[in-house]
Amino acid sequence: MEDDVARQRKVGNLVALAVLSVLVERPRHPYEIATTLRTWGKDQDMEIKWGSFYTVVRNMERHGLIEAVESVREGRRPERTVYRITDAGRAELVDWARELISTPEPEQPRFRAGLSVLAALHPDEATALLGQRLARLEDDIRAGRAALAEQLRSVPRLFLIESDHDLAMRAAEAAWVRSLLAELTSGSYPGLAEWRAFHDAGDRPAEPTDGPEGSGPTP
């Protein structure tokens, strides 16, 4: 069994994965690939830097994941090269999907960064801001569920599974924020008094002198 680590891939940019997912259906030229990615919402499922799109396509061809099959011209537009997925590209698509589904990797969303410096805010302000976040999350969840229900009328759930996952993650975040708000508003959150005193009177809140790996006393 392989170690649970991300493999070093010939073309590791997730744009390559998106391109393979489109070409597995049928051959397309790069402009059509990009249009299909937008239509399918792949730019919402993964980070796609459009500025490097054509470079990634060329690298995929160089590494044998895709190959040119013909050049086409539409009207006065420049000639466009049509690409198809190769056997190596199909194998890469399947292997990459297996890795992404089976192997969790640490992710660093912006909310985590904000939480890491939450102490910089007065607890009253933090509570108000978390309330705003919760309201927006609940609005997003309602809208997302309605949109998903509408899409499921014509699209099999298998092809919308990422939206289903996104809704589940948002619901889990909303539940966590709701729980945190309950502790803050009830006054039961540990260290809340010290946190408030730091902002109200300028006292420095007590910090642990021994913590996770790499941490130590605060100077």
Protein backbone atom coordinates (compact mmCIF):
# COMPACT_ATOMS: atom_id res chain seq x y z
CA MET A 1 0.00 0.00 0.00
CA GLU A 2 1.38 3.41 -0.98
CA ASP A 3 2.17 5.97 1.68
CA ASP A 4 -0.59 8.53 2.25
CA VAL A 5 1.33 11.42 0.71
CA ALA A 6 0.66 13.54 -2.32
CA ARG A 7 2.47 12.18 -5.34
CA GLN A 8 4.89 14.26 -7.35
CA ARG A 9 3.13 14.66 -10.68
CA LYS A 10 4.54 15.59 -14.06
CA VAL A 11 2.07 18.47 -14.23
CA GLY A 12 0.93 19.15 -10.66
CA ASN A 13 -1.21 22.22 -11.32
CA LEU A 14 -4.88 21.42 -10.66
CA VAL A 15 -5.68 23.07 -13.99
CA ALA A 16 -4.28 19.89 -15.54
CA LEU A 17 -6.79 17.79 -13.61
CA ALA A 18 -9.61 20.04 -14.80
CA VAL A 19 -8.42 19.79 -18.42
CA LEU A 20 -8.26 16.00 -18.22
CA SER A 21 -11.79 15.88 -16.79
CA VAL A 22 -13.04 17.78 -19.84
CA LEU A 23 -11.05 15.95 -22.50
CA VAL A 24 -12.10 12.54 -21.20
CA GLU A 25 -15.52 13.36 -22.70
CA ARG A 26 -14.24 14.31 -26.18
CA PRO A 27 -11.41 16.22 -27.92
CA ARG A 28 -11.48 20.02 -27.72
CA HIS A 29 -9.27 23.00 -28.51
CA PRO A 30 -7.98 25.10 -25.56
CA TYR A 31 -10.55 27.88 -25.92
CA GLU A 32 -13.36 25.32 -25.90
CA ILE A 33 -11.77 23.58 -22.91
CA ALA A 34 -11.71 26.85 -20.96
CA THR A 35 -15.31 27.64 -21.92
CA THR A 36 -16.44 24.18 -20.82
CA LEU A 37 -14.61 24.51 -17.49
CA ARG A 38 -16.49 27.74 -16.80
CA THR A 39 -19.81 26.26 -17.92
CA TRP A 40 -19.32 23.21 -15.71
CA GLY A 41 -18.28 25.41 -12.77
CA LYS A 42 -14.89 23.75 -12.43
CA ASP A 43 -13.36 27.12 -11.58
CA GLN A 44 -15.48 27.01 -8.41
CA ASP A 45 -14.40 23.46 -7.55
CA MET A 46 -10.67 24.12 -7.79
CA GLU A 47 -8.34 27.08 -8.08
CA ILE A 48 -7.82 27.80 -11.77
CA LYS A 49 -5.33 30.55 -12.64
CA TRP A 50 -6.38 31.43 -16.14
CA GLY A 51 -3.14 33.28 -16.78
CA SER A 52 -1.24 29.99 -16.75
CA PHE A 53 -3.92 27.96 -18.57
CA TYR A 54 -2.20 27.72 -21.96
CA THR A 55 1.16 27.01 -20.35
CA VAL A 56 -0.37 24.09 -18.46
CA VAL A 57 -1.92 22.75 -21.67
CA ARG A 58 1.47 22.88 -23.43
CA ASN A 59 3.15 21.13 -20.49
CA MET A 60 0.49 18.42 -20.55
CA GLU A 61 1.21 17.81 -24.22
CA ARG A 62 4.95 17.75 -23.57
CA HIS A 63 4.49 15.09 -20.89
CA GLY A 64 2.20 12.96 -23.03
CA LEU A 65 -1.02 13.45 -21.07
CA ILE A 66 -2.77 14.92 -24.10
CA GLU A 67 -1.96 14.99 -27.81
CA ALA A 68 -2.87 17.16 -30.76
CA VAL A 69 -5.18 15.52 -33.29
CA GLU A 70 -5.97 18.34 -35.70
CA SER A 71 -5.97 22.07 -36.27
CA VAL A 72 -9.18 23.92 -37.02
CA ARG A 73 -9.97 27.43 -38.22
CA GLU A 74 -13.27 29.22 -37.67
CA GLY A 75 -13.76 32.21 -39.96
CA ARG A 76 -10.95 34.72 -39.56
CA ARG A 77 -9.92 33.43 -36.15
CA PRO A 78 -6.40 32.01 -35.73
CA GLU A 79 -5.94 28.31 -36.25
CA ARG A 80 -6.67 26.28 -33.11
CA THR A 81 -5.18 22.96 -32.11
CA VAL A 82 -7.62 20.28 -30.99
CA TYR A 83 -6.35 18.00 -28.22
CA ARG A 84 -7.46 14.60 -27.01
CA ILE A 85 -6.60 12.74 -23.85
CA THR A 86 -4.02 9.94 -24.15
CA ASP A 87 -3.94 6.61 -22.34
CA ALA A 88 -1.35 8.12 -20.00
CA GLY A 89 -3.71 11.06 -19.41
CA ARG A 90 -6.60 8.74 -18.56
CA ALA A 91 -4.40 6.85 -16.11
CA GLU A 92 -3.29 10.14 -14.57
CA LEU A 93 -6.89 11.34 -14.20
CA VAL A 94 -7.92 8.15 -12.39
CA ASP A 95 -4.82 8.03 -10.19
CA TRP A 96 -5.15 11.73 -9.26
CA ALA A 97 -8.83 11.29 -8.41
CA ARG A 98 -7.95 8.31 -6.21
CA GLU A 99 -5.36 10.36 -4.34
CA LEU A 100 -7.61 13.36 -3.80
CA ILE A 101 -10.51 11.23 -2.56
CA SER A 102 -8.52 8.90 -0.31
CA THR A 103 -5.81 11.12 1.19
CA PRO A 104 -6.70 14.10 3.40
CA GLU A 105 -4.28 17.02 3.28
CA PRO A 106 -4.09 20.02 5.60
CA GLU A 107 -5.88 23.05 4.19
CA GLN A 108 -5.56 26.63 5.40
CA PRO A 109 -8.77 28.57 4.73
CA ARG A 110 -8.95 32.30 5.47
CA PHE A 111 -11.35 31.71 8.37
CA ARG A 112 -8.68 29.66 10.14
CA ALA A 113 -6.23 32.54 9.73
CA GLY A 114 -8.78 34.93 11.24
CA LEU A 115 -9.47 32.63 14.18
CA SER A 116 -5.73 32.41 14.88
CA VAL A 117 -5.71 36.14 15.66
CA LEU A 118 -9.18 36.39 17.19
CA ALA A 119 -7.68 37.67 20.46
CA ALA A 120 -6.77 40.90 18.65
CA LEU A 121 -10.47 41.81 18.71
CA HIS A 122 -12.55 42.81 21.72
CA PRO A 123 -14.81 39.88 22.63
CA ASP A 124 -17.91 42.01 22.01
CA GLU A 125 -16.72 42.85 18.51
CA ALA A 126 -15.69 39.24 17.88
CA THR A 127 -19.16 38.12 18.93
CA ALA A 128 -20.84 40.62 16.61
CA LEU A 129 -18.62 39.63 13.67
CA LEU A 130 -19.19 35.93 14.26
CA GLY A 131 -22.92 36.68 14.29
CA GLN A 132 -22.57 38.35 10.91
CA ARG A 133 -20.67 35.34 9.58
CA LEU A 134 -23.32 32.96 10.87
CA ALA A 135 -26.10 34.96 9.22
CA ARG A 136 -24.24 34.91 5.90
CA LEU A 137 -23.53 31.20 6.22
CA GLU A 138 -27.20 30.48 6.87
CA ASP A 139 -28.20 32.58 3.85
CA ASP A 140 -25.63 30.75 1.68
CA ILE A 141 -26.82 27.37 2.92
CA ARG A 142 -30.46 28.15 2.16
CA ALA A 143 -29.60 29.44 -1.31
CA GLY A 144 -27.23 26.52 -1.95
CA ARG A 145 -29.81 23.92 -0.95
CA ALA A 146 -32.43 25.51 -3.18
CA ALA A 147 -30.02 25.66 -6.13
CA LEU A 148 -28.90 22.06 -5.60
CA ALA A 149 -32.48 20.83 -5.41
CA GLU A 150 -33.21 22.57 -8.71
CA GLN A 151 -30.10 21.12 -10.38
CA LEU A 152 -30.96 17.63 -9.18
CA ARG A 153 -34.10 17.76 -11.29
CA SER A 154 -31.98 17.32 -14.42
CA VAL A 155 -28.46 16.33 -13.29
CA PRO A 156 -27.56 13.07 -11.50
CA ARG A 157 -26.35 13.58 -7.93
CA LEU A 158 -23.01 11.98 -8.83
CA PHE A 159 -22.15 15.02 -10.96
CA LEU A 160 -23.14 17.45 -8.21
CA ILE A 161 -21.44 15.66 -5.32
CA GLU A 162 -18.96 18.51 -4.78
CA SER A 163 -21.87 20.92 -4.20
CA ASP A 164 -23.38 18.46 -1.73
CA HIS A 165 -20.04 18.34 0.11
CA ASP A 166 -19.74 22.12 0.12
CA LEU A 167 -23.16 22.46 1.71
CA ALA A 168 -22.27 19.88 4.35
CA MET A 169 -19.05 21.74 5.21
CA ARG A 170 -20.89 25.06 5.44
CA ALA A 171 -23.54 23.50 7.66
CA ALA A 172 -20.82 22.07 9.92
CA GLU A 173 -19.09 25.48 10.10
CA ALA A 174 -22.40 27.18 10.89
CA ALA A 175 -23.03 24.69 13.71
CA TRP A 176 -19.55 25.33 15.13
CA VAL A 177 -19.91 29.13 14.93
CA ARG A 178 -23.35 28.86 16.54
CA SER A 179 -21.86 26.85 19.41
CA LEU A 180 -19.00 29.32 19.87
CA LEU A 181 -21.45 32.23 19.92
CA ALA A 182 -23.50 30.48 22.59
CA GLU A 183 -20.39 30.24 24.80
CA LEU A 184 -19.44 33.87 24.21
CA THR A 185 -22.90 35.27 24.82
CA SER A 186 -23.48 33.13 27.94
CA GLY A 187 -20.06 34.02 29.35
CA SER A 188 -19.05 30.36 29.63
CA TYR A 189 -16.16 30.55 27.16
CA PRO A 190 -12.89 29.74 29.03
CA GLY A 191 -10.66 32.79 29.52
CA LEU A 192 -13.35 35.22 28.41
CA ALA A 193 -12.83 37.46 31.47
CA GLU A 194 -9.08 37.75 30.82
CA TRP A 195 -9.69 38.38 27.13
CA ARG A 196 -12.11 41.17 27.96
CA ALA A 197 -9.77 42.64 30.60
CA PHE A 198 -6.94 42.79 28.07
CA HIS A 199 -9.00 45.07 25.82
CA ASP A 200 -10.82 46.99 28.56
CA ALA A 201 -7.83 47.66 30.80
CA GLY A 202 -4.81 46.82 28.68
CA ASP A 203 -3.85 43.75 30.73
CA ARG A 204 -2.02 41.06 28.84
CA PRO A 205 -3.96 37.77 28.86
CA ALA A 206 -2.17 34.79 30.33
CA GLU A 207 -0.66 32.50 27.71
CA PRO A 208 0.54 28.93 28.15
CA THR A 209 4.28 28.63 28.62
CA ASP A 210 4.32 25.12 27.26
CA GLY A 211 2.33 24.19 24.18
CA PRO A 212 2.42 22.44 20.84
CA GLU A 213 5.62 21.56 19.11
CA GLY A 214 7.71 24.62 18.37
CA SER A 215 6.00 26.87 20.90
CA GLY A 216 7.34 28.12 24.20
CA PRO A 217 7.18 30.97 26.68
CA THR A 218 6.05 34.28 25.29
CA PRO A 219 8.83 36.86 25.68
